[in-house]
């Protein structure tokens, strides 16, 4: 099955965020088990302080300690831009340990890439993904400055 014909995320499934362009991205906390009936991602971005376990789909790791910011901002920008681009055709998953702080921050950055004004991106993600997303003041500031 080609990427073009693979089914997208179910936009009503838990953790799935619909961006204004219509792209769908799933946010998830890695401490929770995968839903056995949900489709697997075709591409994953994992935001952790140490290397994540292997997964059977294509994935990238971004060193991002809990409650902090990415260790390498340039790498983060490039990786999130790639995730946003791939969300047009792939089932992209963005995940950290709990699925709120780092994942919410990354999803807000994807929203900025999708055209949401940086000052509104955290509110957008909280309204459409998780009301507790983006946990720290420095994560909020990171999103406002993300471009």
N, C-alpha and C. Protein backbone atom coordinates (compact mmCIF):
# COMPACT_ATOMS: atom_id res chain seq x y z
N UNK A 1 0.85 -1.18 0.00
CA UNK A 1 0.00 0.00 0.00
C UNK A 1 0.89 1.24 0.00
N UNK A 2 0.69 2.14 -0.92
CA UNK A 2 1.51 3.36 -0.97
C UNK A 2 1.07 4.34 0.10
N UNK A 3 1.98 5.27 0.39
CA UNK A 3 1.66 6.28 1.40
C UNK A 3 0.39 7.04 1.04
N UNK A 4 0.22 7.32 -0.25
CA UNK A 4 -0.94 8.10 -0.67
C UNK A 4 -2.26 7.38 -0.37
N UNK A 5 -2.25 6.04 -0.37
CA UNK A 5 -3.49 5.32 -0.16
C UNK A 5 -3.66 4.79 1.26
N UNK A 6 -2.65 5.01 2.13
CA UNK A 6 -2.80 4.57 3.51
C UNK A 6 -3.86 5.41 4.20
N UNK A 7 -4.67 4.80 5.05
CA UNK A 7 -5.67 5.58 5.75
C UNK A 7 -5.00 6.56 6.72
N UNK A 8 -5.63 7.69 6.88
CA UNK A 8 -5.13 8.70 7.81
C UNK A 8 -5.60 8.34 9.21
N UNK A 9 -5.16 9.14 10.18
CA UNK A 9 -5.67 8.97 11.54
C UNK A 9 -7.17 9.23 11.54
N UNK A 10 -7.87 8.61 12.44
CA UNK A 10 -9.27 8.93 12.69
C UNK A 10 -9.26 10.21 13.53
N UNK A 11 -9.79 11.28 12.98
CA UNK A 11 -9.69 12.57 13.68
C UNK A 11 -10.44 12.60 15.01
N UNK A 12 -11.29 11.62 15.26
CA UNK A 12 -12.03 11.57 16.53
C UNK A 12 -11.37 10.63 17.55
N UNK A 13 -10.27 10.02 17.15
CA UNK A 13 -9.57 9.10 18.05
C UNK A 13 -8.82 9.89 19.12
N UNK A 14 -8.61 9.29 20.29
CA UNK A 14 -7.88 9.98 21.36
C UNK A 14 -6.50 10.44 20.90
N UNK A 15 -6.17 11.68 21.24
CA UNK A 15 -4.85 12.22 20.96
C UNK A 15 -4.65 12.80 19.58
N UNK A 16 -5.63 12.67 18.69
CA UNK A 16 -5.45 13.17 17.32
C UNK A 16 -5.82 14.65 17.26
N UNK A 17 -4.88 15.43 16.75
CA UNK A 17 -5.05 16.87 16.58
C UNK A 17 -5.22 17.17 15.11
N UNK A 18 -6.29 17.89 14.77
CA UNK A 18 -6.49 18.36 13.40
C UNK A 18 -5.95 19.78 13.33
N UNK A 19 -4.97 19.97 12.47
CA UNK A 19 -4.41 21.29 12.24
C UNK A 19 -5.32 22.05 11.27
N UNK A 20 -5.23 23.37 11.23
CA UNK A 20 -6.12 24.14 10.34
C UNK A 20 -6.07 23.70 8.87
N UNK A 21 -4.93 23.22 8.41
CA UNK A 21 -4.80 22.78 7.01
C UNK A 21 -5.52 21.46 6.75
N UNK A 22 -5.94 20.78 7.82
CA UNK A 22 -6.55 19.46 7.68
C UNK A 22 -5.58 18.33 8.00
N UNK A 23 -4.30 18.63 8.15
CA UNK A 23 -3.34 17.60 8.55
C UNK A 23 -3.75 17.06 9.92
N UNK A 24 -3.56 15.75 10.10
CA UNK A 24 -3.85 15.11 11.38
C UNK A 24 -2.55 14.59 11.98
N UNK A 25 -2.34 14.86 13.26
CA UNK A 25 -1.15 14.40 13.97
C UNK A 25 -1.63 13.81 15.29
N UNK A 26 -1.05 12.68 15.68
CA UNK A 26 -1.43 12.09 16.96
C UNK A 26 -0.37 12.39 18.01
N UNK A 27 -0.81 12.92 19.15
CA UNK A 27 0.05 13.09 20.31
C UNK A 27 -0.23 11.94 21.27
N UNK A 28 0.82 11.52 21.98
CA UNK A 28 0.63 10.37 22.87
C UNK A 28 1.64 10.41 24.00
N UNK A 29 1.25 9.87 25.12
CA UNK A 29 2.16 9.64 26.24
C UNK A 29 2.68 8.22 26.15
N UNK A 30 3.98 8.06 26.13
CA UNK A 30 4.58 6.74 25.98
C UNK A 30 4.38 5.86 27.20
N UNK A 31 4.03 6.43 28.33
CA UNK A 31 3.78 5.61 29.52
C UNK A 31 2.43 4.89 29.43
N UNK A 32 1.61 5.26 28.46
CA UNK A 32 0.33 4.57 28.24
C UNK A 32 0.49 3.60 27.08
N UNK A 33 -0.13 2.44 27.16
CA UNK A 33 0.02 1.46 26.08
C UNK A 33 -0.69 1.93 24.81
N UNK A 34 -0.20 1.44 23.69
CA UNK A 34 -0.85 1.72 22.41
C UNK A 34 -2.22 1.07 22.37
N UNK A 35 -3.14 1.70 21.71
CA UNK A 35 -4.46 1.11 21.47
C UNK A 35 -4.27 -0.01 20.45
N UNK A 36 -4.60 -1.25 20.80
CA UNK A 36 -4.33 -2.37 19.89
C UNK A 36 -5.16 -2.35 18.61
N UNK A 37 -6.26 -1.61 18.56
CA UNK A 37 -7.06 -1.56 17.34
C UNK A 37 -6.79 -0.32 16.49
N UNK A 38 -6.07 0.64 17.03
CA UNK A 38 -5.72 1.84 16.26
C UNK A 38 -4.60 1.51 15.28
N UNK A 39 -4.59 2.18 14.14
CA UNK A 39 -3.48 1.94 13.21
C UNK A 39 -2.16 2.43 13.81
N UNK A 40 -1.09 1.81 13.41
CA UNK A 40 0.24 2.23 13.87
C UNK A 40 0.65 3.48 13.11
N UNK A 41 1.50 4.29 13.71
CA UNK A 41 2.04 5.42 12.96
C UNK A 41 2.89 4.92 11.79
N UNK A 42 3.07 5.77 10.80
CA UNK A 42 4.05 5.48 9.76
C UNK A 42 5.33 6.27 10.02
N UNK A 43 5.25 7.25 10.93
CA UNK A 43 6.41 8.07 11.30
C UNK A 43 6.19 8.59 12.71
N UNK A 44 7.20 8.43 13.55
CA UNK A 44 7.08 8.90 14.93
C UNK A 44 8.22 9.84 15.30
N UNK A 45 7.89 10.83 16.13
CA UNK A 45 8.88 11.75 16.68
C UNK A 45 8.79 11.61 18.19
N UNK A 46 9.91 11.22 18.82
CA UNK A 46 9.91 10.92 20.24
C UNK A 46 10.79 11.92 20.99
N UNK A 47 10.17 12.59 21.94
CA UNK A 47 10.75 13.72 22.66
C UNK A 47 11.10 13.27 24.07
N UNK A 48 12.33 12.79 24.25
CA UNK A 48 12.73 12.21 25.52
C UNK A 48 14.15 12.62 25.87
N UNK A 49 14.47 12.56 27.16
CA UNK A 49 15.80 12.86 27.62
C UNK A 49 16.82 11.78 27.27
N UNK A 50 16.34 10.56 27.04
CA UNK A 50 17.23 9.47 26.62
C UNK A 50 16.58 8.72 25.47
N UNK A 51 17.39 7.97 24.76
CA UNK A 51 16.93 7.29 23.55
C UNK A 51 15.71 6.40 23.85
N UNK A 52 14.67 6.51 23.02
CA UNK A 52 13.47 5.69 23.22
C UNK A 52 13.68 4.25 22.77
N UNK A 53 12.79 3.36 23.19
CA UNK A 53 12.87 1.99 22.69
C UNK A 53 12.60 1.94 21.19
N UNK A 54 13.06 0.89 20.56
CA UNK A 54 12.83 0.69 19.12
C UNK A 54 11.34 0.53 18.84
N UNK A 55 10.91 1.02 17.69
CA UNK A 55 9.53 0.85 17.22
C UNK A 55 9.59 0.29 15.80
N UNK A 56 8.54 -0.40 15.37
CA UNK A 56 8.57 -1.03 14.04
C UNK A 56 8.29 -0.08 12.88
N UNK A 57 8.12 1.21 13.13
CA UNK A 57 7.89 2.19 12.08
C UNK A 57 9.06 3.17 12.07
N UNK A 58 9.15 3.95 11.02
CA UNK A 58 10.21 4.95 10.93
C UNK A 58 10.04 5.97 12.05
N UNK A 59 11.14 6.33 12.68
CA UNK A 59 11.03 7.28 13.79
C UNK A 59 12.31 8.08 13.95
N UNK A 60 12.17 9.17 14.67
CA UNK A 60 13.31 10.02 15.02
C UNK A 60 13.20 10.36 16.50
N UNK A 61 14.35 10.53 17.11
CA UNK A 61 14.43 10.90 18.52
C UNK A 61 14.97 12.31 18.62
N UNK A 62 14.30 13.13 19.40
CA UNK A 62 14.77 14.47 19.71
C UNK A 62 15.06 14.52 21.20
N UNK A 63 16.31 14.78 21.56
CA UNK A 63 16.66 14.85 22.98
C UNK A 63 15.95 16.07 23.58
N UNK A 64 15.04 15.78 24.52
CA UNK A 64 14.21 16.82 25.12
C UNK A 64 13.86 16.36 26.54
N UNK A 65 14.65 16.78 27.53
CA UNK A 65 14.39 16.35 28.91
C UNK A 65 13.01 16.82 29.42
N UNK A 66 12.44 16.03 30.30
CA UNK A 66 11.13 16.33 30.88
C UNK A 66 11.10 17.72 31.52
N UNK A 67 10.04 18.46 31.26
CA UNK A 67 9.80 19.81 31.78
C UNK A 67 10.79 20.85 31.25
N UNK A 68 11.54 20.53 30.26
CA UNK A 68 12.55 21.43 29.71
C UNK A 68 12.24 21.76 28.25
N UNK A 69 13.28 22.24 27.56
CA UNK A 69 13.20 22.54 26.13
C UNK A 69 14.14 21.61 25.38
N UNK A 70 13.99 21.54 24.05
CA UNK A 70 14.88 20.67 23.29
C UNK A 70 16.35 21.02 23.53
N UNK A 71 17.20 20.02 23.59
CA UNK A 71 18.63 20.24 23.81
C UNK A 71 19.27 20.98 22.64
N UNK A 72 18.80 20.74 21.43
CA UNK A 72 19.33 21.39 20.23
C UNK A 72 18.16 22.04 19.49
N UNK A 73 18.06 23.35 19.58
CA UNK A 73 16.92 24.07 18.99
C UNK A 73 16.88 23.97 17.46
N UNK A 74 18.05 24.00 16.82
CA UNK A 74 18.08 23.90 15.36
C UNK A 74 17.60 22.52 14.91
N UNK A 75 18.05 21.47 15.61
CA UNK A 75 17.60 20.11 15.30
C UNK A 75 16.10 19.99 15.53
N UNK A 76 15.60 20.60 16.62
CA UNK A 76 14.17 20.57 16.91
C UNK A 76 13.37 21.22 15.80
N UNK A 77 13.81 22.38 15.35
CA UNK A 77 13.11 23.08 14.28
C UNK A 77 13.06 22.25 13.00
N UNK A 78 14.19 21.66 12.64
CA UNK A 78 14.25 20.83 11.43
C UNK A 78 13.36 19.59 11.56
N UNK A 79 13.41 18.94 12.71
CA UNK A 79 12.63 17.72 12.92
C UNK A 79 11.13 18.01 12.95
N UNK A 80 10.73 19.09 13.62
CA UNK A 80 9.31 19.44 13.66
C UNK A 80 8.81 19.88 12.29
N UNK A 81 9.65 20.55 11.53
CA UNK A 81 9.26 20.93 10.17
C UNK A 81 9.06 19.68 9.32
N UNK A 82 9.97 18.70 9.46
CA UNK A 82 9.81 17.44 8.74
C UNK A 82 8.53 16.72 9.16
N UNK A 83 8.23 16.69 10.45
CA UNK A 83 7.01 16.04 10.93
C UNK A 83 5.78 16.72 10.34
N UNK A 84 5.78 18.05 10.32
CA UNK A 84 4.64 18.79 9.76
C UNK A 84 4.47 18.46 8.27
N UNK A 85 5.59 18.45 7.53
CA UNK A 85 5.51 18.13 6.10
C UNK A 85 4.98 16.72 5.88
N UNK A 86 5.48 15.77 6.67
CA UNK A 86 5.08 14.38 6.50
C UNK A 86 3.63 14.14 6.92
N UNK A 87 3.10 14.96 7.79
CA UNK A 87 1.70 14.80 8.23
C UNK A 87 0.72 14.97 7.08
N UNK A 88 1.16 15.52 5.96
CA UNK A 88 0.28 15.65 4.79
C UNK A 88 -0.02 14.29 4.17
N UNK A 89 0.90 13.31 4.34
CA UNK A 89 0.70 12.00 3.72
C UNK A 89 0.88 10.83 4.67
N UNK A 90 1.56 11.05 5.80
CA UNK A 90 1.86 9.97 6.74
C UNK A 90 0.99 10.08 8.00
N UNK A 91 0.92 8.97 8.74
CA UNK A 91 0.33 9.01 10.08
C UNK A 91 1.47 9.34 11.04
N UNK A 92 1.58 10.62 11.38
CA UNK A 92 2.67 11.11 12.24
C UNK A 92 2.21 11.09 13.69
N UNK A 93 3.07 10.54 14.53
CA UNK A 93 2.85 10.52 15.97
C UNK A 93 3.96 11.32 16.63
N UNK A 94 3.58 12.18 17.58
CA UNK A 94 4.54 12.93 18.39
C UNK A 94 4.29 12.49 19.82
N UNK A 95 5.35 12.08 20.53
CA UNK A 95 5.13 11.53 21.86
C UNK A 95 6.29 11.83 22.80
N UNK A 96 5.94 11.97 24.08
CA UNK A 96 6.91 12.07 25.18
C UNK A 96 6.41 11.12 26.27
N UNK A 97 6.95 11.22 27.45
CA UNK A 97 6.55 10.32 28.51
C UNK A 97 5.08 10.41 28.87
N UNK A 98 4.61 11.61 29.17
CA UNK A 98 3.23 11.79 29.60
C UNK A 98 2.26 12.26 28.52
N UNK A 99 2.80 12.82 27.43
CA UNK A 99 1.95 13.26 26.32
C UNK A 99 1.37 14.65 26.47
N UNK A 100 1.88 15.45 27.41
CA UNK A 100 1.30 16.78 27.62
C UNK A 100 2.30 17.92 27.42
N UNK A 101 3.36 17.94 28.20
CA UNK A 101 4.28 19.08 28.18
C UNK A 101 5.08 19.17 26.90
N UNK A 102 5.98 18.24 26.70
CA UNK A 102 6.82 18.25 25.50
C UNK A 102 5.99 17.98 24.25
N UNK A 103 5.09 17.00 24.33
CA UNK A 103 4.23 16.70 23.17
C UNK A 103 3.35 17.90 22.84
N UNK A 104 2.73 18.51 23.85
CA UNK A 104 1.89 19.68 23.61
C UNK A 104 2.68 20.83 23.01
N UNK A 105 3.91 21.02 23.50
CA UNK A 105 4.77 22.08 22.97
C UNK A 105 5.10 21.81 21.50
N UNK A 106 5.46 20.57 21.18
CA UNK A 106 5.77 20.22 19.80
C UNK A 106 4.54 20.38 18.91
N UNK A 107 3.37 19.95 19.40
CA UNK A 107 2.14 20.11 18.61
C UNK A 107 1.83 21.59 18.38
N UNK A 108 2.07 22.43 19.38
CA UNK A 108 1.86 23.87 19.21
C UNK A 108 2.81 24.43 18.16
N UNK A 109 4.04 23.92 18.13
CA UNK A 109 4.98 24.34 17.09
C UNK A 109 4.50 23.89 15.70
N UNK A 110 3.94 22.69 15.61
CA UNK A 110 3.37 22.24 14.34
C UNK A 110 2.21 23.14 13.92
N UNK A 111 1.41 23.58 14.91
CA UNK A 111 0.31 24.50 14.61
C UNK A 111 0.85 25.83 14.06
N UNK A 112 1.96 26.31 14.62
CA UNK A 112 2.59 27.53 14.09
C UNK A 112 3.01 27.30 12.63
N UNK A 113 3.65 26.18 12.36
CA UNK A 113 4.05 25.86 10.99
C UNK A 113 2.84 25.77 10.07
N UNK A 114 1.70 25.41 10.62
CA UNK A 114 0.47 25.26 9.84
C UNK A 114 -0.29 26.58 9.69
N UNK A 115 0.23 27.66 10.27
CA UNK A 115 -0.39 28.97 10.08
C UNK A 115 -1.05 29.57 11.29
N UNK A 116 -1.09 28.87 12.42
CA UNK A 116 -1.66 29.44 13.63
C UNK A 116 -0.66 30.48 14.16
N UNK A 117 -1.11 31.70 14.47
CA UNK A 117 -0.18 32.69 15.00
C UNK A 117 0.49 32.17 16.28
N UNK A 118 1.81 32.38 16.42
CA UNK A 118 2.53 31.86 17.58
C UNK A 118 1.89 32.21 18.93
N UNK A 119 1.33 33.39 19.05
CA UNK A 119 0.70 33.80 20.31
C UNK A 119 -0.59 33.04 20.61
N UNK A 120 -1.14 32.35 19.61
CA UNK A 120 -2.40 31.62 19.76
C UNK A 120 -2.23 30.10 19.73
N UNK A 121 -1.02 29.63 19.44
CA UNK A 121 -0.81 28.19 19.21
C UNK A 121 -1.05 27.34 20.46
N UNK A 122 -0.62 27.82 21.63
CA UNK A 122 -0.84 27.03 22.86
C UNK A 122 -2.33 26.92 23.13
N UNK A 123 -3.05 28.01 22.99
CA UNK A 123 -4.51 27.99 23.18
C UNK A 123 -5.16 27.02 22.20
N UNK A 124 -4.70 27.02 20.95
CA UNK A 124 -5.23 26.12 19.93
C UNK A 124 -5.05 24.66 20.34
N UNK A 125 -3.83 24.32 20.77
CA UNK A 125 -3.54 22.93 21.15
C UNK A 125 -4.33 22.54 22.40
N UNK A 126 -4.44 23.45 23.34
CA UNK A 126 -5.23 23.14 24.54
C UNK A 126 -6.71 22.94 24.21
N UNK A 127 -7.21 23.65 23.24
CA UNK A 127 -8.63 23.51 22.86
C UNK A 127 -8.88 22.24 22.04
N UNK A 128 -7.90 21.82 21.24
CA UNK A 128 -8.14 20.73 20.30
C UNK A 128 -7.39 19.43 20.60
N UNK A 129 -6.48 19.47 21.59
CA UNK A 129 -5.71 18.26 21.92
C UNK A 129 -5.86 17.89 23.40
N UNK A 130 -5.37 18.74 24.29
CA UNK A 130 -5.41 18.47 25.73
C UNK A 130 -5.37 19.79 26.47
N UNK A 131 -6.31 20.01 27.34
CA UNK A 131 -6.39 21.30 28.04
C UNK A 131 -5.20 21.55 28.96
N UNK A 132 -4.42 20.52 29.25
CA UNK A 132 -3.22 20.67 30.10
C UNK A 132 -1.92 20.69 29.28
N UNK A 133 -2.03 20.73 27.97
CA UNK A 133 -0.84 20.71 27.11
C UNK A 133 0.01 21.96 27.34
N UNK A 134 1.31 21.80 27.17
CA UNK A 134 2.31 22.85 27.34
C UNK A 134 2.31 23.25 28.81
N UNK A 135 3.23 22.65 29.57
CA UNK A 135 3.14 22.71 31.03
C UNK A 135 3.93 23.83 31.70
N UNK A 136 4.95 24.36 31.06
CA UNK A 136 5.81 25.31 31.76
C UNK A 136 5.83 26.67 31.06
N UNK A 137 6.17 27.73 31.80
CA UNK A 137 6.27 29.05 31.16
C UNK A 137 7.31 29.08 30.04
N UNK A 138 8.42 28.35 30.20
CA UNK A 138 9.45 28.37 29.15
C UNK A 138 9.01 27.59 27.93
N UNK A 139 8.14 26.58 28.10
CA UNK A 139 7.58 25.90 26.93
C UNK A 139 6.65 26.84 26.18
N UNK A 140 5.83 27.60 26.91
CA UNK A 140 4.95 28.59 26.25
C UNK A 140 5.77 29.62 25.49
N UNK A 141 6.85 30.11 26.11
CA UNK A 141 7.71 31.11 25.47
C UNK A 141 8.38 30.51 24.23
N UNK A 142 8.79 29.25 24.30
CA UNK A 142 9.40 28.58 23.16
C UNK A 142 8.45 28.58 21.96
N UNK A 143 7.18 28.28 22.21
CA UNK A 143 6.19 28.26 21.12
C UNK A 143 6.01 29.67 20.55
N UNK A 144 5.92 30.67 21.41
CA UNK A 144 5.73 32.05 20.92
C UNK A 144 6.90 32.51 20.05
N UNK A 145 8.09 31.96 20.31
CA UNK A 145 9.28 32.36 19.56
C UNK A 145 9.60 31.40 18.41
N UNK A 146 8.81 30.34 18.27
CA UNK A 146 9.08 29.34 17.24
C UNK A 146 8.68 29.89 15.87
N UNK A 147 9.57 29.78 14.92
CA UNK A 147 9.25 30.22 13.55
C UNK A 147 10.09 29.43 12.56
